[in-house]
Amino acid sequence: MKYRASLIVALLLSACATFSVTNEWKDPSWSGPPASNILVIGVARSDTMRRLFEDTFARDLSAAGVRAEASYAAIPSGHDGSAKLGDVVRSTGSDAVLVTRVQRVEDRINVTPTGPGPGYGGFYGWYGGAWDNTPEITQTTVVTLETSLWDVRSQKLVWTVTTQGLASNDIPKATNELSKTLIPKMKADGVIR
């Protein structure tokens, strides 16, 4: 079980080579204004992955015209961080908190049959047919991430999406691609300035 938890954490931000938004929700009663100062939190046991995620999103949000700050310098990982969260939100003047976490990791095996199987008519015919009709087997790891934007004033969730992608070992590239997928989406949905 401990190995599985470590694997999930390892996949958190190394998760995907390309992302697709699979589900989205925006609070219909939320009237804004769009967030202009965001505290970025990556939920991960790995400090490296957390820092890469938070730095990338803070940098890309700033480039998009939104003030943003990574939380790792002020908020420790784990449950102990919740006590400091309110203080950090107040000290940074944040009007929203953006949080990303792993929701699910799935190993998928796909077997593609190529035909009905080897034919009859003696060993030689059967042998050739066996090679021609051997199925193709592929295995992929699909990671689902949940990203949520919380309004500081009301302390309510105002926007959340789930994204899916194939596992990858290139953490900076995957985090960059997640950022390039979600920041324009948040702007289009009117939850950030």
N, C-alpha and C. Protein backbone atom coordinates (compact mmCIF):
# COMPACT_ATOMS: atom_id res chain seq x y z
N MET A 1 0.83 -1.19 0.00
CA MET A 1 0.00 0.00 0.00
C MET A 1 0.87 1.26 0.00
N LYS A 2 1.96 1.23 0.79
CA LYS A 2 2.85 2.38 0.84
C LYS A 2 3.50 2.59 -0.53
N TYR A 3 3.85 1.49 -1.23
CA TYR A 3 4.43 1.60 -2.56
C TYR A 3 3.44 2.24 -3.52
N ARG A 4 2.17 1.83 -3.45
CA ARG A 4 1.13 2.38 -4.34
C ARG A 4 0.95 3.88 -4.08
N ALA A 5 0.96 4.30 -2.81
CA ALA A 5 0.83 5.72 -2.47
C ALA A 5 2.02 6.50 -3.02
N SER A 6 3.21 5.94 -2.93
CA SER A 6 4.40 6.61 -3.47
C SER A 6 4.31 6.73 -4.98
N LEU A 7 3.79 5.70 -5.64
CA LEU A 7 3.62 5.74 -7.08
C LEU A 7 2.65 6.84 -7.47
N ILE A 8 1.55 6.96 -6.76
CA ILE A 8 0.57 7.99 -7.06
C ILE A 8 1.18 9.37 -6.90
N VAL A 9 1.92 9.57 -5.83
CA VAL A 9 2.58 10.87 -5.62
C VAL A 9 3.59 11.12 -6.73
N ALA A 10 4.32 10.10 -7.13
CA ALA A 10 5.32 10.26 -8.19
C ALA A 10 4.67 10.65 -9.51
N LEU A 11 3.44 10.24 -9.70
CA LEU A 11 2.75 10.54 -10.95
C LEU A 11 1.99 11.86 -10.92
N LEU A 12 1.89 12.49 -9.76
CA LEU A 12 1.06 13.69 -9.63
C LEU A 12 1.30 14.69 -10.73
N LEU A 13 2.49 15.17 -10.83
CA LEU A 13 2.74 16.20 -11.82
C LEU A 13 3.54 15.73 -13.00
N SER A 14 4.04 14.49 -12.92
CA SER A 14 4.70 13.93 -14.08
C SER A 14 3.64 13.27 -14.94
N ALA A 15 2.43 13.58 -14.62
CA ALA A 15 1.29 12.84 -15.10
C ALA A 15 1.13 12.77 -16.60
N CYS A 16 1.14 13.87 -17.28
CA CYS A 16 0.59 13.80 -18.61
C CYS A 16 1.43 14.50 -19.66
N ALA A 17 1.47 13.90 -20.83
CA ALA A 17 2.13 14.54 -21.94
C ALA A 17 1.18 15.52 -22.62
N THR A 18 -0.08 15.20 -22.71
CA THR A 18 -1.10 16.13 -23.18
C THR A 18 -2.32 15.97 -22.30
N PHE A 19 -3.01 17.05 -22.12
CA PHE A 19 -4.16 17.04 -21.20
C PHE A 19 -5.44 17.30 -21.95
N SER A 20 -6.51 16.70 -21.47
CA SER A 20 -7.83 17.04 -21.97
C SER A 20 -8.72 17.27 -20.75
N VAL A 21 -9.57 18.27 -20.85
CA VAL A 21 -10.53 18.55 -19.78
C VAL A 21 -11.67 17.56 -19.93
N THR A 22 -11.91 16.78 -18.87
CA THR A 22 -12.94 15.75 -18.95
C THR A 22 -14.24 16.16 -18.24
N ASN A 23 -14.14 17.01 -17.24
CA ASN A 23 -15.32 17.51 -16.53
C ASN A 23 -15.03 18.94 -16.10
N GLU A 24 -16.09 19.74 -16.03
CA GLU A 24 -15.93 21.13 -15.60
C GLU A 24 -17.19 21.57 -14.87
N TRP A 25 -16.97 22.39 -13.83
CA TRP A 25 -18.10 22.98 -13.09
C TRP A 25 -17.72 24.39 -12.67
N LYS A 26 -18.67 25.29 -12.81
CA LYS A 26 -18.52 26.66 -12.33
C LYS A 26 -19.77 26.99 -11.52
N ASP A 27 -19.57 27.58 -10.36
CA ASP A 27 -20.69 27.93 -9.47
C ASP A 27 -21.58 28.94 -10.19
N PRO A 28 -22.82 28.55 -10.48
CA PRO A 28 -23.71 29.46 -11.20
C PRO A 28 -24.11 30.69 -10.38
N SER A 29 -23.97 30.62 -9.07
CA SER A 29 -24.35 31.76 -8.23
C SER A 29 -23.19 32.72 -7.98
N TRP A 30 -21.99 32.34 -8.41
CA TRP A 30 -20.82 33.20 -8.20
C TRP A 30 -20.85 34.35 -9.19
N SER A 31 -20.76 35.56 -8.67
CA SER A 31 -20.88 36.74 -9.53
C SER A 31 -19.56 37.48 -9.71
N GLY A 32 -18.48 36.94 -9.15
CA GLY A 32 -17.18 37.55 -9.36
C GLY A 32 -16.83 38.56 -8.29
N PRO A 33 -15.88 39.38 -8.52
CA PRO A 33 -15.15 39.61 -9.76
C PRO A 33 -14.11 38.51 -10.01
N PRO A 34 -13.58 38.46 -11.24
CA PRO A 34 -12.54 37.47 -11.54
C PRO A 34 -11.32 37.68 -10.63
N ALA A 35 -10.68 36.60 -10.27
CA ALA A 35 -9.51 36.66 -9.39
C ALA A 35 -8.35 37.37 -10.08
N SER A 36 -7.65 38.20 -9.32
CA SER A 36 -6.50 38.91 -9.88
C SER A 36 -5.23 38.65 -9.06
N ASN A 37 -5.37 37.92 -7.93
CA ASN A 37 -4.23 37.62 -7.06
C ASN A 37 -4.45 36.21 -6.50
N ILE A 38 -3.66 35.26 -6.97
CA ILE A 38 -3.91 33.84 -6.67
C ILE A 38 -2.75 33.22 -5.90
N LEU A 39 -3.10 32.45 -4.87
CA LEU A 39 -2.15 31.61 -4.16
C LEU A 39 -2.24 30.22 -4.80
N VAL A 40 -1.10 29.68 -5.26
CA VAL A 40 -1.07 28.41 -5.98
C VAL A 40 -0.60 27.30 -5.05
N ILE A 41 -1.38 26.22 -4.98
CA ILE A 41 -1.04 25.07 -4.13
C ILE A 41 -1.08 23.79 -4.96
N GLY A 42 0.02 23.04 -4.94
CA GLY A 42 0.07 21.71 -5.53
C GLY A 42 0.11 20.71 -4.39
N VAL A 43 -0.84 19.79 -4.37
CA VAL A 43 -0.90 18.80 -3.30
C VAL A 43 -0.07 17.59 -3.74
N ALA A 44 1.12 17.45 -3.13
CA ALA A 44 2.02 16.35 -3.47
C ALA A 44 2.95 16.08 -2.29
N ARG A 45 3.29 14.84 -2.08
CA ARG A 45 4.24 14.50 -1.02
C ARG A 45 5.67 14.81 -1.45
N SER A 46 5.89 14.88 -2.73
CA SER A 46 7.21 15.20 -3.26
C SER A 46 7.39 16.71 -3.31
N ASP A 47 8.37 17.23 -2.56
CA ASP A 47 8.63 18.66 -2.58
C ASP A 47 9.05 19.13 -3.97
N THR A 48 9.78 18.31 -4.69
CA THR A 48 10.21 18.68 -6.04
C THR A 48 9.01 18.89 -6.95
N MET A 49 8.10 17.94 -6.95
CA MET A 49 6.92 18.06 -7.82
C MET A 49 6.04 19.24 -7.40
N ARG A 50 5.89 19.43 -6.10
CA ARG A 50 5.09 20.55 -5.63
C ARG A 50 5.70 21.87 -6.09
N ARG A 51 7.01 22.02 -5.91
CA ARG A 51 7.68 23.27 -6.29
C ARG A 51 7.61 23.50 -7.80
N LEU A 52 7.82 22.45 -8.58
CA LEU A 52 7.72 22.60 -10.04
C LEU A 52 6.33 23.04 -10.45
N PHE A 53 5.32 22.40 -9.89
CA PHE A 53 3.93 22.77 -10.22
C PHE A 53 3.65 24.21 -9.83
N GLU A 54 3.93 24.56 -8.58
CA GLU A 54 3.58 25.89 -8.08
C GLU A 54 4.37 26.99 -8.80
N ASP A 55 5.66 26.78 -9.02
CA ASP A 55 6.45 27.77 -9.73
C ASP A 55 5.96 27.97 -11.16
N THR A 56 5.65 26.88 -11.84
CA THR A 56 5.18 26.97 -13.23
C THR A 56 3.87 27.73 -13.30
N PHE A 57 2.91 27.37 -12.45
CA PHE A 57 1.62 28.05 -12.50
C PHE A 57 1.72 29.51 -12.07
N ALA A 58 2.52 29.80 -11.05
CA ALA A 58 2.69 31.19 -10.62
C ALA A 58 3.32 32.01 -11.74
N ARG A 59 4.33 31.46 -12.40
CA ARG A 59 4.98 32.16 -13.52
C ARG A 59 4.02 32.39 -14.67
N ASP A 60 3.27 31.34 -15.06
CA ASP A 60 2.38 31.45 -16.21
C ASP A 60 1.16 32.32 -15.92
N LEU A 61 0.66 32.28 -14.69
CA LEU A 61 -0.44 33.19 -14.32
C LEU A 61 0.04 34.64 -14.37
N SER A 62 1.24 34.89 -13.86
CA SER A 62 1.81 36.25 -13.91
C SER A 62 1.97 36.72 -15.34
N ALA A 63 2.44 35.83 -16.22
CA ALA A 63 2.59 36.18 -17.64
C ALA A 63 1.24 36.48 -18.28
N ALA A 64 0.17 35.89 -17.73
CA ALA A 64 -1.18 36.12 -18.25
C ALA A 64 -1.84 37.34 -17.61
N GLY A 65 -1.10 38.05 -16.75
CA GLY A 65 -1.63 39.28 -16.16
C GLY A 65 -2.31 39.11 -14.81
N VAL A 66 -2.10 37.96 -14.18
CA VAL A 66 -2.69 37.69 -12.87
C VAL A 66 -1.56 37.56 -11.85
N ARG A 67 -1.64 38.30 -10.78
CA ARG A 67 -0.62 38.16 -9.73
C ARG A 67 -0.77 36.78 -9.10
N ALA A 68 0.34 36.08 -8.93
CA ALA A 68 0.27 34.71 -8.38
C ALA A 68 1.52 34.43 -7.56
N GLU A 69 1.33 33.61 -6.54
CA GLU A 69 2.44 33.25 -5.67
C GLU A 69 2.37 31.77 -5.32
N ALA A 70 3.52 31.11 -5.35
CA ALA A 70 3.62 29.71 -4.93
C ALA A 70 3.50 29.64 -3.41
N SER A 71 2.90 28.59 -2.92
CA SER A 71 2.65 28.47 -1.47
C SER A 71 3.75 27.74 -0.71
N TYR A 72 4.62 27.01 -1.40
CA TYR A 72 5.53 26.09 -0.71
C TYR A 72 6.47 26.76 0.28
N ALA A 73 6.81 28.02 0.05
CA ALA A 73 7.75 28.69 0.96
C ALA A 73 7.11 28.98 2.32
N ALA A 74 5.79 29.13 2.34
CA ALA A 74 5.11 29.53 3.57
C ALA A 74 4.23 28.45 4.18
N ILE A 75 3.80 27.48 3.38
CA ILE A 75 2.88 26.45 3.87
C ILE A 75 3.55 25.09 3.76
N PRO A 76 3.73 24.40 4.90
CA PRO A 76 4.33 23.07 4.84
C PRO A 76 3.38 22.07 4.20
N SER A 77 3.94 21.00 3.67
CA SER A 77 3.13 19.92 3.10
C SER A 77 2.33 19.23 4.18
N GLY A 78 1.23 18.63 3.81
CA GLY A 78 0.44 17.80 4.73
C GLY A 78 -0.57 18.58 5.53
N HIS A 79 -1.13 17.91 6.51
CA HIS A 79 -2.20 18.47 7.34
C HIS A 79 -1.76 19.70 8.13
N ASP A 80 -0.48 19.77 8.48
CA ASP A 80 0.01 20.90 9.26
C ASP A 80 -0.13 22.22 8.50
N GLY A 81 -0.17 22.16 7.19
CA GLY A 81 -0.27 23.37 6.38
C GLY A 81 -1.59 24.08 6.49
N SER A 82 -2.66 23.36 6.83
CA SER A 82 -3.98 24.00 6.88
C SER A 82 -4.05 25.10 7.94
N ALA A 83 -3.29 24.97 9.02
CA ALA A 83 -3.30 25.99 10.07
C ALA A 83 -2.69 27.29 9.56
N LYS A 84 -1.72 27.22 8.66
CA LYS A 84 -1.05 28.41 8.16
C LYS A 84 -1.73 29.00 6.93
N LEU A 85 -2.61 28.25 6.29
CA LEU A 85 -3.20 28.68 5.03
C LEU A 85 -3.88 30.04 5.14
N GLY A 86 -4.71 30.23 6.13
CA GLY A 86 -5.40 31.51 6.30
C GLY A 86 -4.44 32.67 6.47
N ASP A 87 -3.38 32.46 7.26
CA ASP A 87 -2.38 33.52 7.46
C ASP A 87 -1.68 33.88 6.16
N VAL A 88 -1.35 32.87 5.35
CA VAL A 88 -0.65 33.12 4.10
C VAL A 88 -1.58 33.83 3.11
N VAL A 89 -2.83 33.41 3.06
CA VAL A 89 -3.79 34.08 2.17
C VAL A 89 -3.88 35.56 2.53
N ARG A 90 -4.00 35.86 3.82
CA ARG A 90 -4.09 37.26 4.26
C ARG A 90 -2.80 38.02 3.95
N SER A 91 -1.65 37.42 4.23
CA SER A 91 -0.38 38.14 4.04
C SER A 91 -0.07 38.39 2.56
N THR A 92 -0.55 37.54 1.67
CA THR A 92 -0.30 37.73 0.24
C THR A 92 -1.38 38.58 -0.42
N GLY A 93 -2.48 38.80 0.28
CA GLY A 93 -3.58 39.56 -0.31
C GLY A 93 -4.32 38.79 -1.39
N SER A 94 -4.18 37.49 -1.39
CA SER A 94 -4.81 36.66 -2.41
C SER A 94 -6.33 36.75 -2.34
N ASP A 95 -6.96 36.80 -3.51
CA ASP A 95 -8.41 36.76 -3.54
C ASP A 95 -8.93 35.41 -4.00
N ALA A 96 -8.00 34.49 -4.34
CA ALA A 96 -8.38 33.13 -4.73
C ALA A 96 -7.22 32.18 -4.44
N VAL A 97 -7.57 30.91 -4.27
CA VAL A 97 -6.58 29.86 -4.07
C VAL A 97 -6.82 28.80 -5.14
N LEU A 98 -5.76 28.47 -5.88
CA LEU A 98 -5.82 27.45 -6.92
C LEU A 98 -5.12 26.21 -6.40
N VAL A 99 -5.84 25.08 -6.40
CA VAL A 99 -5.30 23.83 -5.85
C VAL A 99 -5.43 22.72 -6.90
N THR A 100 -4.35 21.96 -7.09
CA THR A 100 -4.39 20.79 -7.97
C THR A 100 -3.94 19.57 -7.18
N ARG A 101 -4.66 18.45 -7.40
CA ARG A 101 -4.34 17.18 -6.73
C ARG A 101 -4.64 16.02 -7.68
N VAL A 102 -4.03 14.87 -7.38
CA VAL A 102 -4.34 13.65 -8.13
C VAL A 102 -5.69 13.13 -7.66
N GLN A 103 -6.54 12.86 -8.61
CA GLN A 103 -7.84 12.27 -8.28
C GLN A 103 -7.82 10.76 -8.49
N ARG A 104 -7.14 10.32 -9.58
CA ARG A 104 -7.16 8.89 -9.87
C ARG A 104 -5.99 8.54 -10.80
N VAL A 105 -5.46 7.33 -10.65
CA VAL A 105 -4.44 6.78 -11.55
C VAL A 105 -4.93 5.41 -11.99
N GLU A 106 -4.98 5.21 -13.31
CA GLU A 106 -5.49 3.95 -13.84
C GLU A 106 -4.49 3.36 -14.84
N ASP A 107 -4.22 2.07 -14.71
CA ASP A 107 -3.47 1.36 -15.72
C ASP A 107 -4.47 0.74 -16.67
N ARG A 108 -4.31 1.01 -17.95
CA ARG A 108 -5.23 0.49 -18.96
C ARG A 108 -4.47 -0.43 -19.90
N ILE A 109 -5.05 -1.60 -20.14
CA ILE A 109 -4.46 -2.56 -21.07
C ILE A 109 -5.43 -2.70 -22.23
N ASN A 110 -4.92 -2.53 -23.44
CA ASN A 110 -5.75 -2.62 -24.63
C ASN A 110 -5.25 -3.79 -25.47
N VAL A 111 -6.14 -4.70 -25.78
CA VAL A 111 -5.81 -5.85 -26.62
C VAL A 111 -6.58 -5.69 -27.92
N THR A 112 -5.83 -5.58 -29.02
CA THR A 112 -6.45 -5.40 -30.32
C THR A 112 -6.32 -6.69 -31.11
N PRO A 113 -7.42 -7.43 -31.26
CA PRO A 113 -7.34 -8.67 -32.03
C PRO A 113 -7.14 -8.35 -33.51
N THR A 114 -6.43 -9.23 -34.20
CA THR A 114 -6.17 -8.99 -35.62
C THR A 114 -6.97 -9.91 -36.52
N GLY A 115 -7.62 -10.86 -35.99
CA GLY A 115 -8.40 -11.77 -36.83
C GLY A 115 -8.97 -12.92 -36.01
N PRO A 116 -9.54 -13.88 -36.70
CA PRO A 116 -10.22 -14.98 -36.00
C PRO A 116 -9.28 -16.00 -35.39
N GLY A 117 -8.01 -15.95 -35.64
CA GLY A 117 -7.07 -16.93 -35.09
C GLY A 117 -6.48 -17.78 -36.19
N PRO A 118 -5.54 -18.65 -35.81
CA PRO A 118 -4.89 -19.49 -36.83
C PRO A 118 -5.89 -20.45 -37.46
N GLY A 119 -5.69 -20.68 -38.77
CA GLY A 119 -6.58 -21.58 -39.48
C GLY A 119 -6.10 -23.02 -39.38
N TYR A 120 -6.87 -23.87 -39.95
CA TYR A 120 -6.51 -25.28 -39.94
C TYR A 120 -5.94 -25.65 -41.30
N GLY A 121 -5.52 -26.84 -41.44
CA GLY A 121 -4.93 -27.29 -42.71
C GLY A 121 -3.49 -27.70 -42.51
N GLY A 122 -3.19 -28.20 -41.37
CA GLY A 122 -1.84 -28.66 -41.11
C GLY A 122 -1.03 -27.65 -40.32
N PHE A 123 0.07 -28.12 -39.81
CA PHE A 123 0.90 -27.30 -38.94
C PHE A 123 1.42 -26.06 -39.63
N TYR A 124 1.89 -26.18 -40.88
CA TYR A 124 2.49 -25.04 -41.56
C TYR A 124 1.48 -23.91 -41.78
N GLY A 125 0.29 -24.23 -42.16
CA GLY A 125 -0.77 -23.22 -42.33
C GLY A 125 -1.18 -22.62 -40.99
N TRP A 126 -1.23 -23.48 -39.98
CA TRP A 126 -1.60 -23.00 -38.64
C TRP A 126 -0.53 -22.04 -38.11
N TYR A 127 0.74 -22.41 -38.30
CA TYR A 127 1.84 -21.61 -37.77
C TYR A 127 1.84 -20.21 -38.40
N GLY A 128 1.72 -20.11 -39.69
CA GLY A 128 1.67 -18.80 -40.36
C GLY A 128 0.47 -17.99 -39.91
N GLY A 129 -0.66 -18.64 -39.77
CA GLY A 129 -1.89 -17.96 -39.31
C GLY A 129 -1.77 -17.47 -37.88
N ALA A 130 -1.04 -18.23 -37.04
CA ALA A 130 -0.86 -17.82 -35.65
C ALA A 130 -0.09 -16.50 -35.58
N TRP A 131 0.93 -16.32 -36.41
CA TRP A 131 1.69 -15.07 -36.43
C TRP A 131 0.85 -13.94 -37.01
N ASP A 132 0.10 -14.23 -38.04
CA ASP A 132 -0.72 -13.19 -38.66
C ASP A 132 -1.84 -12.71 -37.75
N ASN A 133 -2.26 -13.52 -36.83
CA ASN A 133 -3.43 -13.20 -36.00
C ASN A 133 -3.08 -12.97 -34.53
N THR A 134 -1.81 -12.68 -34.24
CA THR A 134 -1.41 -12.40 -32.86
C THR A 134 -1.89 -10.99 -32.49
N PRO A 135 -2.60 -10.84 -31.38
CA PRO A 135 -3.13 -9.52 -31.02
C PRO A 135 -2.02 -8.56 -30.60
N GLU A 136 -2.30 -7.27 -30.76
CA GLU A 136 -1.39 -6.23 -30.29
C GLU A 136 -1.84 -5.82 -28.90
N ILE A 137 -0.90 -5.78 -27.97
CA ILE A 137 -1.22 -5.44 -26.58
C ILE A 137 -0.45 -4.18 -26.21
N THR A 138 -1.17 -3.16 -25.71
CA THR A 138 -0.54 -1.93 -25.24
C THR A 138 -1.02 -1.63 -23.82
N GLN A 139 -0.14 -1.03 -23.05
CA GLN A 139 -0.48 -0.64 -21.69
C GLN A 139 -0.17 0.83 -21.51
N THR A 140 -1.10 1.57 -20.93
CA THR A 140 -0.90 2.99 -20.65
C THR A 140 -1.35 3.28 -19.22
N THR A 141 -0.77 4.32 -18.65
CA THR A 141 -1.20 4.79 -17.34
C THR A 141 -1.87 6.14 -17.56
N VAL A 142 -3.13 6.24 -17.16
CA VAL A 142 -3.90 7.47 -17.31
C VAL A 142 -4.04 8.12 -15.94
N VAL A 143 -3.68 9.39 -15.87
CA VAL A 143 -3.74 10.14 -14.62
C VAL A 143 -4.84 11.18 -14.74
N THR A 144 -5.71 11.22 -13.72
CA THR A 144 -6.76 12.23 -13.65
C THR A 144 -6.41 13.20 -12.54
N LEU A 145 -6.33 14.49 -12.89
CA LEU A 145 -6.03 15.54 -11.92
C LEU A 145 -7.29 16.38 -11.71
N GLU A 146 -7.45 16.87 -10.49
CA GLU A 146 -8.53 17.80 -10.19
C GLU A 146 -7.91 19.15 -9.83
N THR A 147 -8.36 20.19 -10.51
CA THR A 147 -7.88 21.54 -10.25
C THR A 147 -9.08 22.39 -9.86
N SER A 148 -8.96 23.08 -8.71
CA SER A 148 -10.08 23.85 -8.17
C SER A 148 -9.64 25.27 -7.83
N LEU A 149 -10.54 26.21 -8.05
CA LEU A 149 -10.30 27.61 -7.70
C LEU A 149 -11.29 27.99 -6.61
N TRP A 150 -10.76 28.43 -5.48
CA TRP A 150 -11.57 28.79 -4.31
C TRP A 150 -11.56 30.31 -4.13
N ASP A 151 -12.73 30.89 -3.91
CA ASP A 151 -12.86 32.31 -3.63
C ASP A 151 -12.54 32.55 -2.16
N VAL A 152 -11.60 33.45 -1.88
CA VAL A 152 -11.15 33.69 -0.51
C VAL A 152 -12.24 34.38 0.32
N ARG A 153 -12.92 35.37 -0.27
CA ARG A 153 -13.94 36.11 0.51
C ARG A 153 -15.05 35.20 1.03
N SER A 154 -15.60 34.36 0.17
CA SER A 154 -16.71 33.49 0.57
C SER A 154 -16.24 32.15 1.10
N GLN A 155 -14.97 31.80 0.86
CA GLN A 155 -14.39 30.51 1.19
C GLN A 155 -15.14 29.36 0.50
N LYS A 156 -15.63 29.64 -0.71
CA LYS A 156 -16.38 28.64 -1.47
C LYS A 156 -15.66 28.31 -2.77
N LEU A 157 -15.91 27.09 -3.21
CA LEU A 157 -15.41 26.63 -4.50
C LEU A 157 -16.18 27.35 -5.60
N VAL A 158 -15.47 27.98 -6.55
CA VAL A 158 -16.16 28.68 -7.63
C VAL A 158 -15.96 28.02 -8.99
N TRP A 159 -14.91 27.20 -9.12
CA TRP A 159 -14.61 26.58 -10.42
C TRP A 159 -13.76 25.35 -10.18
N THR A 160 -14.07 24.27 -10.89
CA THR A 160 -13.25 23.06 -10.78
C THR A 160 -13.31 22.28 -12.09
N VAL A 161 -12.18 21.67 -12.45
CA VAL A 161 -12.11 20.82 -13.64
C VAL A 161 -11.33 19.57 -13.31
N THR A 162 -11.60 18.53 -14.06
CA THR A 162 -10.74 17.35 -14.04
C THR A 162 -10.10 17.26 -15.42
N THR A 163 -8.84 16.87 -15.41
CA THR A 163 -8.09 16.70 -16.65
C THR A 163 -7.51 15.30 -16.65
N GLN A 164 -7.36 14.75 -17.85
CA GLN A 164 -6.76 13.43 -17.99
C GLN A 164 -5.63 13.49 -19.01
N GLY A 165 -4.64 12.65 -18.78
CA GLY A 165 -3.53 12.54 -19.72
C GLY A 165 -2.75 11.27 -19.44
N LEU A 166 -1.86 10.95 -20.37
CA LEU A 166 -1.02 9.76 -20.24
C LEU A 166 0.21 10.08 -19.40
N ALA A 167 0.62 9.13 -18.59
CA ALA A 167 1.78 9.32 -17.71
C ALA A 167 3.03 9.61 -18.52
N SER A 168 3.89 10.44 -17.95
CA SER A 168 5.14 10.84 -18.58
C SER A 168 6.17 11.09 -17.49
N ASN A 169 7.44 10.98 -17.80
CA ASN A 169 8.48 11.26 -16.82
C ASN A 169 9.02 12.68 -16.91
N ASP A 170 8.58 13.45 -17.88
CA ASP A 170 9.05 14.82 -18.07
C ASP A 170 8.17 15.77 -17.27
N ILE A 171 8.48 15.94 -15.99
CA ILE A 171 7.66 16.72 -15.07
C ILE A 171 7.53 18.18 -15.50
N PRO A 172 8.62 18.87 -15.83
CA PRO A 172 8.46 20.27 -16.25
C PRO A 172 7.56 20.43 -17.48
N LYS A 173 7.75 19.56 -18.46
CA LYS A 173 6.93 19.64 -19.68
C LYS A 173 5.46 19.38 -19.36
N ALA A 174 5.18 18.36 -18.56
CA ALA A 174 3.80 18.03 -18.23
C ALA A 174 3.13 19.16 -17.46
N THR A 175 3.84 19.75 -16.51
CA THR A 175 3.29 20.85 -15.73
C THR A 175 3.05 22.06 -16.62
N ASN A 176 3.96 22.32 -17.52
CA ASN A 176 3.81 23.42 -18.47
C ASN A 176 2.57 23.22 -19.34
N GLU A 177 2.37 22.00 -19.82
CA GLU A 177 1.22 21.71 -20.66
C GLU A 177 -0.09 21.84 -19.89
N LEU A 178 -0.09 21.43 -18.62
CA LEU A 178 -1.29 21.60 -17.80
C LEU A 178 -1.60 23.09 -17.65
N SER A 179 -0.59 23.88 -17.39
CA SER A 179 -0.74 25.33 -17.26
C SER A 179 -1.30 25.93 -18.55
N LYS A 180 -0.74 25.53 -19.68
CA LYS A 180 -1.18 26.06 -20.97
C LYS A 180 -2.60 25.61 -21.31
N THR A 181 -3.08 24.54 -20.73
CA THR A 181 -4.45 24.09 -20.92
C THR A 181 -5.41 24.85 -20.01
N LEU A 182 -5.03 25.01 -18.73
CA LEU A 182 -5.98 25.53 -17.75
C LEU A 182 -6.06 27.05 -17.64
N ILE A 183 -4.97 27.75 -17.80
CA ILE A 183 -5.02 29.21 -17.63
C ILE A 183 -5.93 29.86 -18.68
N PRO A 184 -5.82 29.53 -19.97
CA PRO A 184 -6.77 30.10 -20.93
C PRO A 184 -8.22 29.70 -20.63
N LYS A 185 -8.41 28.49 -20.12
CA LYS A 185 -9.76 28.03 -19.76
C LYS A 185 -10.32 28.87 -18.63
N MET A 186 -9.51 29.15 -17.60
CA MET A 186 -9.98 29.97 -16.48
C MET A 186 -10.31 31.39 -16.96
N LYS A 187 -9.49 31.92 -17.85
CA LYS A 187 -9.78 33.25 -18.40
C LYS A 187 -11.09 33.24 -19.19
N ALA A 188 -11.25 32.25 -20.05
CA ALA A 188 -12.47 32.15 -20.87
C ALA A 188 -13.71 31.97 -20.00
N ASP A 189 -13.57 31.26 -18.89
CA ASP A 189 -14.70 31.04 -17.99
C ASP A 189 -14.94 32.21 -17.04
N GLY A 190 -14.07 33.22 -17.11
CA GLY A 190 -14.27 34.43 -16.32
C GLY A 190 -13.96 34.32 -14.85
N VAL A 191 -13.16 33.31 -14.46
CA VAL A 191 -12.84 33.16 -13.03
C VAL A 191 -11.52 33.80 -12.66
N ILE A 192 -10.69 34.13 -13.67
CA ILE A 192 -9.48 34.92 -13.42
C ILE A 192 -9.48 36.09 -14.39
N ARG A 193 -8.78 37.13 -14.00
CA ARG A 193 -8.71 38.35 -14.82
C ARG A 193 -7.90 38.13 -16.07
